Amino acid sequence: MSASHCRSCGAPIIWAETVNGRRMPLDEDPDPDGKFVLDETREPPLATFAPTDPGERFQSHFATCPDSDKHRRRP
C-alpha cells in the first residue's frame, strides 16, 4: 500500500484510486464510520464506496483534514 503524508496537516494517508480512475487520499487508520473499503490486490489500491459492505473501512482524508479547503478543485 502506498502511504505518505498530507502536504497540509502532515497526517499519514493512503493514496487510493476510485472506480473512475481518480486519486483519492484516505486516512491511514481504519475507521468503523468510514465510507470506503480498499481492494489491496491492486496498486494503487482501489477505493469503493461501501455503505453496507462488511470489513475494514477508511475515511476520506478530505473529510478529516483541517486544511481540506486548500485542496478542493474549484470550477
N, C-alpha and C. Protein backbone atom coordinates (compact mmCIF):
# COMPACT_ATOMS: atom_id res chain seq x y z
N MET A 1 0.85 -1.16 0.00
CA MET A 1 0.00 0.00 0.00
C MET A 1 0.90 1.23 0.00
N SER A 2 0.52 2.24 -0.81
CA SER A 2 1.36 3.43 -0.86
C SER A 2 0.91 4.44 0.18
N ALA A 3 1.70 4.57 1.23
CA ALA A 3 1.39 5.51 2.30
C ALA A 3 2.31 6.72 2.19
N SER A 4 1.78 7.88 2.50
CA SER A 4 2.58 9.09 2.53
C SER A 4 1.96 10.02 3.58
N HIS A 5 2.24 11.30 3.49
CA HIS A 5 1.71 12.25 4.46
C HIS A 5 1.04 13.41 3.73
N CYS A 6 0.01 13.95 4.34
CA CYS A 6 -0.73 15.10 3.81
C CYS A 6 0.22 16.30 3.75
N ARG A 7 0.21 17.01 2.63
CA ARG A 7 1.07 18.19 2.48
C ARG A 7 0.70 19.30 3.44
N SER A 8 -0.55 19.34 3.85
CA SER A 8 -1.01 20.45 4.70
C SER A 8 -0.89 20.16 6.19
N CYS A 9 -1.48 19.06 6.62
CA CYS A 9 -1.54 18.80 8.07
C CYS A 9 -0.51 17.77 8.53
N GLY A 10 0.13 17.06 7.60
CA GLY A 10 1.16 16.09 7.96
C GLY A 10 0.65 14.73 8.40
N ALA A 11 -0.67 14.52 8.37
CA ALA A 11 -1.24 13.23 8.79
C ALA A 11 -0.86 12.13 7.81
N PRO A 12 -0.65 10.90 8.31
CA PRO A 12 -0.37 9.80 7.40
C PRO A 12 -1.61 9.46 6.57
N ILE A 13 -1.43 9.30 5.26
CA ILE A 13 -2.54 8.98 4.36
C ILE A 13 -2.17 7.83 3.45
N ILE A 14 -3.18 7.22 2.87
CA ILE A 14 -3.04 6.18 1.86
C ILE A 14 -3.60 6.75 0.57
N TRP A 15 -2.82 6.68 -0.51
CA TRP A 15 -3.34 7.08 -1.81
C TRP A 15 -4.03 5.89 -2.44
N ALA A 16 -5.28 6.08 -2.81
CA ALA A 16 -6.06 5.03 -3.45
C ALA A 16 -6.60 5.59 -4.77
N GLU A 17 -7.22 4.72 -5.53
CA GLU A 17 -7.82 5.13 -6.80
C GLU A 17 -9.31 4.81 -6.74
N THR A 18 -10.13 5.72 -7.28
CA THR A 18 -11.57 5.47 -7.32
C THR A 18 -11.90 4.64 -8.55
N VAL A 19 -13.13 4.17 -8.64
CA VAL A 19 -13.55 3.40 -9.81
C VAL A 19 -13.51 4.25 -11.08
N ASN A 20 -13.50 5.58 -10.91
CA ASN A 20 -13.40 6.49 -12.06
C ASN A 20 -11.95 6.81 -12.43
N GLY A 21 -11.00 6.19 -11.74
CA GLY A 21 -9.59 6.39 -12.05
C GLY A 21 -8.96 7.63 -11.44
N ARG A 22 -9.63 8.25 -10.48
CA ARG A 22 -9.08 9.44 -9.83
C ARG A 22 -8.38 9.05 -8.53
N ARG A 23 -7.29 9.75 -8.22
CA ARG A 23 -6.57 9.51 -6.97
C ARG A 23 -7.33 10.15 -5.82
N MET A 24 -7.34 9.44 -4.68
CA MET A 24 -8.05 9.94 -3.52
C MET A 24 -7.25 9.60 -2.27
N PRO A 25 -7.04 10.60 -1.38
CA PRO A 25 -6.35 10.32 -0.13
C PRO A 25 -7.32 9.78 0.92
N LEU A 26 -6.90 8.75 1.61
CA LEU A 26 -7.68 8.18 2.71
C LEU A 26 -6.84 8.26 3.98
N ASP A 27 -7.50 8.42 5.12
CA ASP A 27 -6.78 8.35 6.38
C ASP A 27 -6.16 6.97 6.51
N GLU A 28 -4.94 6.92 7.03
CA GLU A 28 -4.21 5.65 7.12
C GLU A 28 -4.86 4.66 8.09
N ASP A 29 -5.41 5.16 9.19
CA ASP A 29 -6.00 4.28 10.18
C ASP A 29 -7.44 3.94 9.82
N PRO A 30 -7.82 2.67 9.91
CA PRO A 30 -9.21 2.29 9.65
C PRO A 30 -10.16 3.02 10.61
N ASP A 31 -11.38 3.25 10.13
CA ASP A 31 -12.40 3.96 10.90
C ASP A 31 -13.72 3.22 10.72
N PRO A 32 -14.34 2.74 11.80
CA PRO A 32 -15.59 1.99 11.66
C PRO A 32 -16.70 2.82 11.01
N ASP A 33 -16.58 4.15 11.05
CA ASP A 33 -17.56 5.02 10.40
C ASP A 33 -17.14 5.42 8.99
N GLY A 34 -16.02 4.91 8.51
CA GLY A 34 -15.53 5.25 7.17
C GLY A 34 -16.50 4.81 6.09
N LYS A 35 -16.41 5.46 4.95
CA LYS A 35 -17.34 5.19 3.86
C LYS A 35 -16.71 4.41 2.71
N PHE A 36 -15.43 4.02 2.86
CA PHE A 36 -14.74 3.35 1.78
C PHE A 36 -14.08 2.05 2.24
N VAL A 37 -14.05 1.07 1.36
CA VAL A 37 -13.28 -0.15 1.58
C VAL A 37 -12.21 -0.19 0.50
N LEU A 38 -11.11 -0.88 0.78
CA LEU A 38 -10.00 -0.95 -0.15
C LEU A 38 -9.82 -2.34 -0.72
N ASP A 39 -9.56 -2.39 -2.03
CA ASP A 39 -9.14 -3.62 -2.68
C ASP A 39 -7.62 -3.50 -2.79
N GLU A 40 -6.93 -4.15 -1.86
CA GLU A 40 -5.47 -4.01 -1.79
C GLU A 40 -4.75 -4.97 -2.73
N THR A 41 -5.49 -5.72 -3.54
CA THR A 41 -4.83 -6.57 -4.52
C THR A 41 -4.36 -5.76 -5.72
N ARG A 42 -4.78 -4.50 -5.80
CA ARG A 42 -4.38 -3.61 -6.89
C ARG A 42 -3.35 -2.62 -6.38
N GLU A 43 -2.58 -2.04 -7.31
CA GLU A 43 -1.64 -0.98 -6.96
C GLU A 43 -1.85 0.16 -7.94
N PRO A 44 -2.31 1.31 -7.54
CA PRO A 44 -2.70 1.65 -6.18
C PRO A 44 -3.98 0.92 -5.77
N PRO A 45 -4.24 0.83 -4.47
CA PRO A 45 -5.46 0.16 -4.02
C PRO A 45 -6.70 0.84 -4.59
N LEU A 46 -7.74 0.07 -4.83
CA LEU A 46 -9.00 0.60 -5.33
C LEU A 46 -9.92 0.89 -4.16
N ALA A 47 -10.40 2.14 -4.07
CA ALA A 47 -11.32 2.53 -3.01
C ALA A 47 -12.73 2.54 -3.57
N THR A 48 -13.62 1.80 -2.93
CA THR A 48 -15.01 1.77 -3.37
C THR A 48 -15.91 2.21 -2.23
N PHE A 49 -16.97 2.92 -2.60
CA PHE A 49 -17.95 3.37 -1.62
C PHE A 49 -18.72 2.14 -1.18
N ALA A 50 -18.77 1.90 0.11
CA ALA A 50 -19.37 0.67 0.61
C ALA A 50 -20.21 0.93 1.84
N PRO A 51 -21.40 1.51 1.69
CA PRO A 51 -22.21 1.82 2.87
C PRO A 51 -22.68 0.59 3.63
N THR A 52 -22.75 -0.59 2.99
CA THR A 52 -23.25 -1.77 3.70
C THR A 52 -22.28 -2.93 3.69
N ASP A 53 -21.15 -2.81 3.00
CA ASP A 53 -20.20 -3.93 2.94
C ASP A 53 -19.50 -4.12 4.27
N PRO A 54 -19.30 -5.37 4.67
CA PRO A 54 -18.53 -5.62 5.90
C PRO A 54 -17.04 -5.43 5.62
N GLY A 55 -16.29 -5.34 6.67
CA GLY A 55 -14.84 -5.26 6.51
C GLY A 55 -14.28 -3.94 7.00
N GLU A 56 -12.97 -3.83 6.86
CA GLU A 56 -12.25 -2.66 7.32
C GLU A 56 -12.61 -1.46 6.44
N ARG A 57 -12.99 -0.37 7.09
CA ARG A 57 -13.41 0.83 6.36
C ARG A 57 -12.41 1.96 6.60
N PHE A 58 -12.39 2.89 5.64
CA PHE A 58 -11.49 4.03 5.72
C PHE A 58 -12.27 5.30 5.42
N GLN A 59 -11.80 6.39 6.00
CA GLN A 59 -12.42 7.70 5.82
C GLN A 59 -11.61 8.50 4.79
N SER A 60 -12.29 9.24 3.94
CA SER A 60 -11.60 10.14 3.03
C SER A 60 -10.85 11.19 3.84
N HIS A 61 -9.60 11.46 3.46
CA HIS A 61 -8.85 12.46 4.21
C HIS A 61 -9.43 13.86 4.00
N PHE A 62 -10.16 14.07 2.90
CA PHE A 62 -10.83 15.36 2.70
C PHE A 62 -11.85 15.62 3.80
N ALA A 63 -12.40 14.57 4.38
CA ALA A 63 -13.41 14.73 5.43
C ALA A 63 -12.78 15.04 6.79
N THR A 64 -11.51 14.73 6.97
CA THR A 64 -10.89 14.89 8.29
C THR A 64 -9.76 15.92 8.33
N CYS A 65 -9.23 16.32 7.18
CA CYS A 65 -8.10 17.25 7.16
C CYS A 65 -8.57 18.66 7.54
N PRO A 66 -7.89 19.30 8.49
CA PRO A 66 -8.28 20.65 8.87
C PRO A 66 -8.03 21.66 7.75
N ASP A 67 -7.21 21.31 6.78
CA ASP A 67 -6.88 22.21 5.66
C ASP A 67 -7.46 21.74 4.34
N SER A 68 -8.52 20.95 4.35
CA SER A 68 -9.05 20.36 3.12
C SER A 68 -9.50 21.39 2.09
N ASP A 69 -9.94 22.55 2.51
CA ASP A 69 -10.39 23.57 1.57
C ASP A 69 -9.26 24.02 0.63
N LYS A 70 -8.03 23.92 1.07
CA LYS A 70 -6.89 24.31 0.23
C LYS A 70 -6.73 23.39 -0.96
N HIS A 71 -7.27 22.18 -0.87
CA HIS A 71 -7.04 21.17 -1.91
C HIS A 71 -8.26 20.89 -2.77
N ARG A 72 -9.36 21.55 -2.50
CA ARG A 72 -10.56 21.33 -3.30
C ARG A 72 -10.41 21.99 -4.65
N ARG A 73 -10.89 21.29 -5.68
CA ARG A 73 -10.87 21.87 -7.02
C ARG A 73 -12.05 22.81 -7.17
N ARG A 74 -11.76 23.97 -7.63
CA ARG A 74 -12.79 24.97 -7.82
C ARG A 74 -13.12 25.07 -9.32
N PRO A 75 -14.41 25.24 -9.67
CA PRO A 75 -14.76 25.35 -11.11
C PRO A 75 -14.27 26.65 -11.72
